[in-house]
N, C-alpha and C. Protein backbone atom coordinates (compact mmCIF):
# COMPACT_ATOMS: atom_id res chain seq x y z
N MET A 1 0.84 -1.16 0.00
CA MET A 1 0.00 0.00 0.00
C MET A 1 0.89 1.22 0.00
N ALA A 2 0.41 2.28 -0.60
CA ALA A 2 1.15 3.53 -0.65
C ALA A 2 0.15 4.66 -0.72
N TYR A 3 0.55 5.82 -0.28
CA TYR A 3 -0.33 6.97 -0.28
C TYR A 3 0.37 8.13 -0.94
N GLY A 4 -0.37 8.88 -1.77
CA GLY A 4 0.19 10.05 -2.43
C GLY A 4 0.37 11.19 -1.45
N LEU A 5 1.11 12.18 -1.88
CA LEU A 5 1.43 13.30 -1.01
C LEU A 5 0.66 14.55 -1.42
N TYR A 6 0.24 15.32 -0.44
CA TYR A 6 -0.47 16.56 -0.71
C TYR A 6 0.21 17.74 -0.01
N VAL A 7 1.42 17.53 0.48
CA VAL A 7 2.22 18.58 1.12
C VAL A 7 3.58 18.59 0.44
N ALA A 8 4.43 19.54 0.84
CA ALA A 8 5.77 19.60 0.27
C ALA A 8 6.52 18.30 0.53
N HIS A 9 7.15 17.80 -0.49
CA HIS A 9 7.91 16.55 -0.37
C HIS A 9 9.14 16.75 0.50
N ARG A 10 9.48 15.74 1.27
CA ARG A 10 10.68 15.76 2.08
C ARG A 10 11.85 15.08 1.37
N ASP A 11 11.62 14.54 0.18
CA ASP A 11 12.63 13.78 -0.55
C ASP A 11 13.13 12.60 0.28
N ARG A 12 12.22 12.02 1.03
CA ARG A 12 12.51 10.85 1.85
C ARG A 12 11.38 9.85 1.67
N LEU A 13 11.74 8.59 1.64
CA LEU A 13 10.76 7.51 1.58
C LEU A 13 10.63 6.90 2.96
N PHE A 14 9.41 6.79 3.45
CA PHE A 14 9.11 6.15 4.72
C PHE A 14 8.63 4.73 4.41
N VAL A 15 9.31 3.73 4.95
CA VAL A 15 8.95 2.33 4.73
C VAL A 15 8.57 1.71 6.07
N TYR A 16 7.37 1.18 6.15
CA TYR A 16 6.90 0.51 7.35
C TYR A 16 7.11 -0.99 7.22
N LEU A 17 7.73 -1.60 8.24
CA LEU A 17 7.91 -3.05 8.31
C LEU A 17 7.12 -3.57 9.50
N HIS A 18 6.20 -4.48 9.26
CA HIS A 18 5.34 -5.01 10.31
C HIS A 18 6.08 -5.98 11.22
N GLY A 19 5.48 -6.28 12.33
CA GLY A 19 6.04 -7.24 13.26
C GLY A 19 5.68 -8.67 12.90
N LEU A 20 6.03 -9.59 13.76
CA LEU A 20 5.84 -11.02 13.57
C LEU A 20 4.41 -11.34 13.14
N GLY A 21 4.26 -11.99 11.99
CA GLY A 21 2.97 -12.43 11.49
C GLY A 21 2.03 -11.32 11.06
N GLY A 22 2.52 -10.08 11.02
CA GLY A 22 1.66 -8.95 10.66
C GLY A 22 1.57 -8.73 9.17
N VAL A 23 0.88 -7.67 8.82
CA VAL A 23 0.76 -7.23 7.43
C VAL A 23 0.87 -5.71 7.39
N ALA A 24 1.22 -5.18 6.26
CA ALA A 24 1.41 -3.74 6.12
C ALA A 24 0.13 -2.97 6.42
N SER A 25 -1.01 -3.52 6.07
CA SER A 25 -2.26 -2.80 6.29
C SER A 25 -2.57 -2.60 7.77
N GLY A 26 -1.85 -3.27 8.65
CA GLY A 26 -2.03 -3.07 10.08
C GLY A 26 -1.56 -1.70 10.56
N ALA A 27 -0.88 -0.96 9.70
CA ALA A 27 -0.38 0.36 10.08
C ALA A 27 -0.85 1.43 9.10
N THR A 28 -2.04 1.27 8.58
CA THR A 28 -2.56 2.21 7.59
C THR A 28 -2.51 3.65 8.08
N GLU A 29 -2.91 3.89 9.31
CA GLU A 29 -2.93 5.26 9.82
C GLU A 29 -1.52 5.83 9.96
N LEU A 30 -0.58 5.01 10.40
CA LEU A 30 0.82 5.45 10.51
C LEU A 30 1.37 5.84 9.13
N ILE A 31 1.11 5.02 8.14
CA ILE A 31 1.60 5.28 6.78
C ILE A 31 0.95 6.54 6.22
N LYS A 32 -0.35 6.70 6.46
CA LYS A 32 -1.04 7.92 6.02
C LYS A 32 -0.45 9.16 6.69
N THR A 33 -0.16 9.06 7.98
CA THR A 33 0.42 10.19 8.71
C THR A 33 1.78 10.57 8.13
N ALA A 34 2.61 9.57 7.82
CA ALA A 34 3.91 9.85 7.21
C ALA A 34 3.72 10.59 5.88
N ALA A 35 2.75 10.16 5.08
CA ALA A 35 2.49 10.84 3.81
C ALA A 35 2.01 12.27 4.04
N GLU A 36 1.15 12.46 5.04
CA GLU A 36 0.66 13.80 5.34
C GLU A 36 1.78 14.72 5.81
N LEU A 37 2.84 14.15 6.35
CA LEU A 37 3.99 14.93 6.82
C LEU A 37 5.02 15.19 5.71
N GLY A 38 4.72 14.74 4.50
CA GLY A 38 5.56 15.04 3.35
C GLY A 38 6.45 13.91 2.87
N PHE A 39 6.38 12.76 3.51
CA PHE A 39 7.16 11.61 3.06
C PHE A 39 6.43 10.91 1.93
N HIS A 40 7.17 10.32 1.01
CA HIS A 40 6.60 9.27 0.19
C HIS A 40 6.48 8.12 1.20
N ALA A 41 5.37 7.44 1.23
CA ALA A 41 5.17 6.47 2.31
C ALA A 41 4.56 5.19 1.79
N LEU A 42 5.10 4.08 2.29
CA LEU A 42 4.56 2.78 1.92
C LEU A 42 4.82 1.77 3.02
N GLY A 43 4.06 0.71 2.97
CA GLY A 43 4.26 -0.42 3.86
C GLY A 43 4.34 -1.66 3.02
N ILE A 44 5.17 -2.58 3.41
CA ILE A 44 5.27 -3.83 2.67
C ILE A 44 4.95 -5.00 3.60
N THR A 45 4.34 -6.01 3.02
CA THR A 45 4.12 -7.25 3.74
C THR A 45 5.20 -8.21 3.25
N TYR A 46 5.83 -8.88 4.18
CA TYR A 46 6.96 -9.75 3.85
C TYR A 46 6.94 -10.95 4.77
N VAL A 47 7.75 -11.95 4.48
CA VAL A 47 7.82 -13.16 5.29
C VAL A 47 8.45 -12.82 6.64
N ASN A 48 7.67 -13.01 7.71
CA ASN A 48 8.15 -12.72 9.05
C ASN A 48 7.34 -13.57 10.03
N GLU A 49 7.61 -14.86 10.00
CA GLU A 49 6.83 -15.79 10.84
C GLU A 49 7.70 -16.62 11.77
N VAL A 50 9.00 -16.36 11.79
CA VAL A 50 9.91 -17.13 12.64
C VAL A 50 10.30 -16.28 13.84
N VAL A 51 10.17 -16.85 15.02
CA VAL A 51 10.55 -16.17 16.25
C VAL A 51 12.04 -16.44 16.48
N PRO A 52 12.89 -15.41 16.33
CA PRO A 52 14.33 -15.64 16.46
C PRO A 52 14.73 -16.25 17.80
N PHE A 53 14.12 -15.81 18.89
CA PHE A 53 14.49 -16.33 20.21
C PHE A 53 14.19 -17.82 20.32
N ALA A 54 13.08 -18.25 19.73
CA ALA A 54 12.72 -19.67 19.76
C ALA A 54 13.64 -20.49 18.86
N SER A 55 14.02 -19.91 17.73
CA SER A 55 14.87 -20.63 16.78
C SER A 55 16.33 -20.65 17.20
N CYS A 56 16.87 -19.50 17.56
CA CYS A 56 18.29 -19.39 17.87
C CYS A 56 18.61 -19.77 19.31
N GLY A 57 17.65 -19.61 20.21
CA GLY A 57 17.88 -19.97 21.61
C GLY A 57 19.13 -19.31 22.16
N THR A 58 20.05 -20.12 22.65
CA THR A 58 21.28 -19.60 23.25
C THR A 58 22.45 -19.58 22.27
N LEU A 59 22.16 -19.79 21.01
CA LEU A 59 23.23 -19.71 20.01
C LEU A 59 23.80 -18.29 19.99
N SER A 60 24.87 -18.11 19.29
CA SER A 60 25.53 -16.80 19.24
C SER A 60 24.60 -15.74 18.64
N SER A 61 24.94 -14.50 18.90
CA SER A 61 24.16 -13.39 18.35
C SER A 61 24.20 -13.39 16.83
N GLN A 62 25.19 -14.04 16.25
CA GLN A 62 25.26 -14.12 14.78
C GLN A 62 24.05 -14.86 14.23
N CYS A 63 23.52 -15.82 14.97
CA CYS A 63 22.33 -16.55 14.54
C CYS A 63 21.17 -15.59 14.30
N TYR A 64 20.98 -14.67 15.25
CA TYR A 64 19.90 -13.69 15.12
C TYR A 64 20.14 -12.77 13.93
N GLY A 65 21.37 -12.31 13.80
CA GLY A 65 21.71 -11.43 12.69
C GLY A 65 21.55 -12.10 11.34
N ASP A 66 21.99 -13.36 11.25
CA ASP A 66 21.87 -14.09 9.99
C ASP A 66 20.41 -14.28 9.60
N LEU A 67 19.57 -14.59 10.57
CA LEU A 67 18.15 -14.79 10.30
C LEU A 67 17.53 -13.49 9.77
N ARG A 68 17.79 -12.40 10.44
CA ARG A 68 17.22 -11.11 10.02
C ARG A 68 17.81 -10.64 8.68
N ARG A 69 19.09 -10.83 8.47
CA ARG A 69 19.70 -10.40 7.21
C ARG A 69 19.15 -11.20 6.04
N GLU A 70 18.90 -12.50 6.23
CA GLU A 70 18.30 -13.29 5.16
C GLU A 70 16.90 -12.76 4.84
N THR A 71 16.16 -12.35 5.85
CA THR A 71 14.85 -11.76 5.62
C THR A 71 14.99 -10.48 4.78
N LEU A 72 16.02 -9.72 5.05
CA LEU A 72 16.21 -8.46 4.34
C LEU A 72 16.64 -8.64 2.90
N ASP A 73 17.64 -9.53 2.65
CA ASP A 73 18.17 -9.60 1.28
C ASP A 73 18.00 -10.94 0.57
N GLY A 74 17.52 -11.96 1.27
CA GLY A 74 17.27 -13.25 0.63
C GLY A 74 18.51 -14.09 0.37
N VAL A 75 19.66 -13.68 0.91
CA VAL A 75 20.88 -14.48 0.77
C VAL A 75 20.85 -15.55 1.85
N ASP A 76 21.04 -16.81 1.46
CA ASP A 76 20.93 -17.93 2.39
C ASP A 76 22.02 -17.86 3.45
N ARG A 77 21.59 -17.56 4.68
CA ARG A 77 22.52 -17.47 5.81
C ARG A 77 22.04 -18.27 7.01
N SER A 78 20.74 -18.55 7.07
CA SER A 78 20.16 -19.14 8.27
C SER A 78 19.40 -20.41 7.94
N PRO A 79 19.56 -21.45 8.77
CA PRO A 79 18.78 -22.67 8.56
C PRO A 79 17.34 -22.52 9.04
N PHE A 80 17.01 -21.40 9.68
CA PHE A 80 15.69 -21.23 10.28
C PHE A 80 14.69 -20.51 9.39
N VAL A 81 15.16 -19.92 8.31
CA VAL A 81 14.27 -19.28 7.34
C VAL A 81 14.70 -19.69 5.94
N ASP A 82 13.77 -19.63 5.03
CA ASP A 82 14.05 -19.95 3.63
C ASP A 82 13.42 -18.86 2.78
N ILE A 83 14.14 -17.77 2.65
CA ILE A 83 13.62 -16.61 1.94
C ILE A 83 14.49 -16.38 0.70
N SER A 84 13.84 -16.39 -0.44
CA SER A 84 14.56 -16.16 -1.69
C SER A 84 14.80 -14.66 -1.87
N PRO A 85 15.77 -14.31 -2.72
CA PRO A 85 15.96 -12.89 -3.01
C PRO A 85 14.66 -12.22 -3.52
N ALA A 86 13.86 -12.94 -4.28
CA ALA A 86 12.61 -12.37 -4.80
C ALA A 86 11.62 -12.04 -3.69
N ASN A 87 11.67 -12.76 -2.58
CA ASN A 87 10.74 -12.52 -1.48
C ASN A 87 11.35 -11.69 -0.36
N SER A 88 12.54 -11.17 -0.56
CA SER A 88 13.22 -10.40 0.48
C SER A 88 12.60 -9.01 0.63
N VAL A 89 12.86 -8.39 1.77
CA VAL A 89 12.40 -7.03 2.02
C VAL A 89 12.96 -6.08 0.98
N VAL A 90 14.25 -6.18 0.70
CA VAL A 90 14.88 -5.28 -0.27
C VAL A 90 14.20 -5.37 -1.63
N ASN A 91 13.94 -6.59 -2.10
CA ASN A 91 13.31 -6.73 -3.41
C ASN A 91 11.87 -6.21 -3.40
N ARG A 92 11.17 -6.42 -2.31
CA ARG A 92 9.79 -5.92 -2.24
C ARG A 92 9.77 -4.39 -2.25
N VAL A 93 10.69 -3.76 -1.56
CA VAL A 93 10.78 -2.29 -1.60
C VAL A 93 11.11 -1.85 -3.03
N ARG A 94 12.11 -2.48 -3.62
CA ARG A 94 12.53 -2.15 -4.99
C ARG A 94 11.36 -2.25 -5.95
N ARG A 95 10.67 -3.36 -5.94
CA ARG A 95 9.58 -3.59 -6.90
C ARG A 95 8.40 -2.66 -6.66
N LEU A 96 8.08 -2.38 -5.41
CA LEU A 96 6.97 -1.48 -5.14
C LEU A 96 7.30 -0.06 -5.59
N VAL A 97 8.52 0.39 -5.34
CA VAL A 97 8.94 1.72 -5.80
C VAL A 97 8.88 1.79 -7.32
N GLU A 98 9.37 0.76 -8.01
CA GLU A 98 9.31 0.73 -9.48
C GLU A 98 7.86 0.79 -9.97
N HIS A 99 7.00 0.04 -9.31
CA HIS A 99 5.58 0.02 -9.69
C HIS A 99 4.94 1.39 -9.49
N LEU A 100 5.22 2.00 -8.35
CA LEU A 100 4.65 3.32 -8.08
C LEU A 100 5.19 4.38 -9.04
N GLU A 101 6.44 4.25 -9.44
CA GLU A 101 7.00 5.17 -10.44
C GLU A 101 6.26 5.03 -11.76
N GLN A 102 5.93 3.81 -12.14
CA GLN A 102 5.18 3.60 -13.39
C GLN A 102 3.76 4.16 -13.29
N LEU A 103 3.11 3.96 -12.13
CA LEU A 103 1.75 4.45 -11.96
C LEU A 103 1.67 5.96 -11.82
N HIS A 104 2.67 6.55 -11.15
CA HIS A 104 2.65 7.98 -10.83
C HIS A 104 4.00 8.61 -11.15
N PRO A 105 4.36 8.71 -12.43
CA PRO A 105 5.71 9.18 -12.80
C PRO A 105 6.02 10.60 -12.36
N SER A 106 5.03 11.42 -12.14
CA SER A 106 5.30 12.81 -11.74
C SER A 106 5.56 12.96 -10.23
N GLU A 107 5.40 11.89 -9.47
CA GLU A 107 5.55 11.98 -8.01
C GLU A 107 6.97 11.69 -7.51
N GLY A 108 7.86 11.23 -8.37
CA GLY A 108 9.25 11.05 -7.98
C GLY A 108 9.59 9.77 -7.23
N TRP A 109 8.76 8.76 -7.32
CA TRP A 109 9.04 7.50 -6.63
C TRP A 109 10.36 6.89 -7.09
N GLY A 110 10.68 7.03 -8.36
CA GLY A 110 11.88 6.42 -8.92
C GLY A 110 13.17 6.90 -8.29
N SER A 111 13.15 8.06 -7.66
CA SER A 111 14.37 8.58 -7.04
C SER A 111 14.81 7.73 -5.84
N PHE A 112 13.92 6.87 -5.35
CA PHE A 112 14.26 6.03 -4.21
C PHE A 112 14.83 4.66 -4.61
N ALA A 113 14.90 4.43 -5.91
CA ALA A 113 15.53 3.20 -6.40
C ALA A 113 16.20 3.47 -7.74
N PRO A 114 17.12 4.43 -7.78
CA PRO A 114 17.81 4.69 -9.05
C PRO A 114 18.66 3.48 -9.42
N SER A 115 18.74 3.20 -10.65
CA SER A 115 19.49 2.04 -11.14
C SER A 115 18.96 0.73 -10.56
N GLY A 116 17.73 0.73 -10.09
CA GLY A 116 17.10 -0.50 -9.61
C GLY A 116 17.43 -0.91 -8.19
N GLU A 117 18.23 -0.14 -7.48
CA GLU A 117 18.57 -0.48 -6.10
C GLU A 117 18.06 0.60 -5.15
N PRO A 118 17.51 0.19 -3.99
CA PRO A 118 17.03 1.20 -3.04
C PRO A 118 18.14 2.17 -2.64
N ALA A 119 17.78 3.45 -2.59
CA ALA A 119 18.71 4.50 -2.17
C ALA A 119 18.55 4.67 -0.66
N TRP A 120 19.20 3.82 0.11
CA TRP A 120 18.99 3.76 1.56
C TRP A 120 19.27 5.07 2.27
N GLY A 121 20.11 5.91 1.72
CA GLY A 121 20.37 7.20 2.34
C GLY A 121 19.18 8.14 2.31
N SER A 122 18.19 7.82 1.49
CA SER A 122 16.98 8.63 1.38
C SER A 122 15.75 7.90 1.93
N ILE A 123 15.99 6.79 2.61
CA ILE A 123 14.87 5.97 3.08
C ILE A 123 14.89 5.87 4.60
N VAL A 124 13.74 6.11 5.20
CA VAL A 124 13.53 5.96 6.63
C VAL A 124 12.74 4.68 6.82
N VAL A 125 13.28 3.74 7.60
CA VAL A 125 12.59 2.48 7.85
C VAL A 125 12.09 2.49 9.28
N TRP A 126 10.82 2.14 9.44
CA TRP A 126 10.20 2.08 10.77
C TRP A 126 9.51 0.74 10.89
N GLY A 127 9.70 0.09 12.00
CA GLY A 127 9.03 -1.18 12.21
C GLY A 127 8.97 -1.54 13.66
N HIS A 128 8.37 -2.67 13.92
CA HIS A 128 8.28 -3.16 15.29
C HIS A 128 8.17 -4.67 15.26
N SER A 129 8.32 -5.26 16.42
CA SER A 129 8.19 -6.70 16.50
C SER A 129 7.52 -7.05 17.81
């Protein structure tokens, strides 16, 4: 989901990441508020059904990091998740920005994924678990 802007643009993309088992639509009001404040704003639904504490237990902190990083980029690092690059958070942000640029070319969505990669320096990520 994404919302258009009716105030001066901040040249920043606000990306909402839901918590365990959630969906982006669970934060509709938050995403709308970000848009009203001048952000390009969107929420993505992504694979997030594994409880790191239950999976990693007392293993090293790298276990937790590997699990979360695989969720982000889809590179196989963790035996506890199986997320492909196509289903990763990064790819979902990339594809949604590309789609919004096609639908609304005058709104500047493409500036958040020039050359097909998210411009993280212009992106604010907010989430919870």
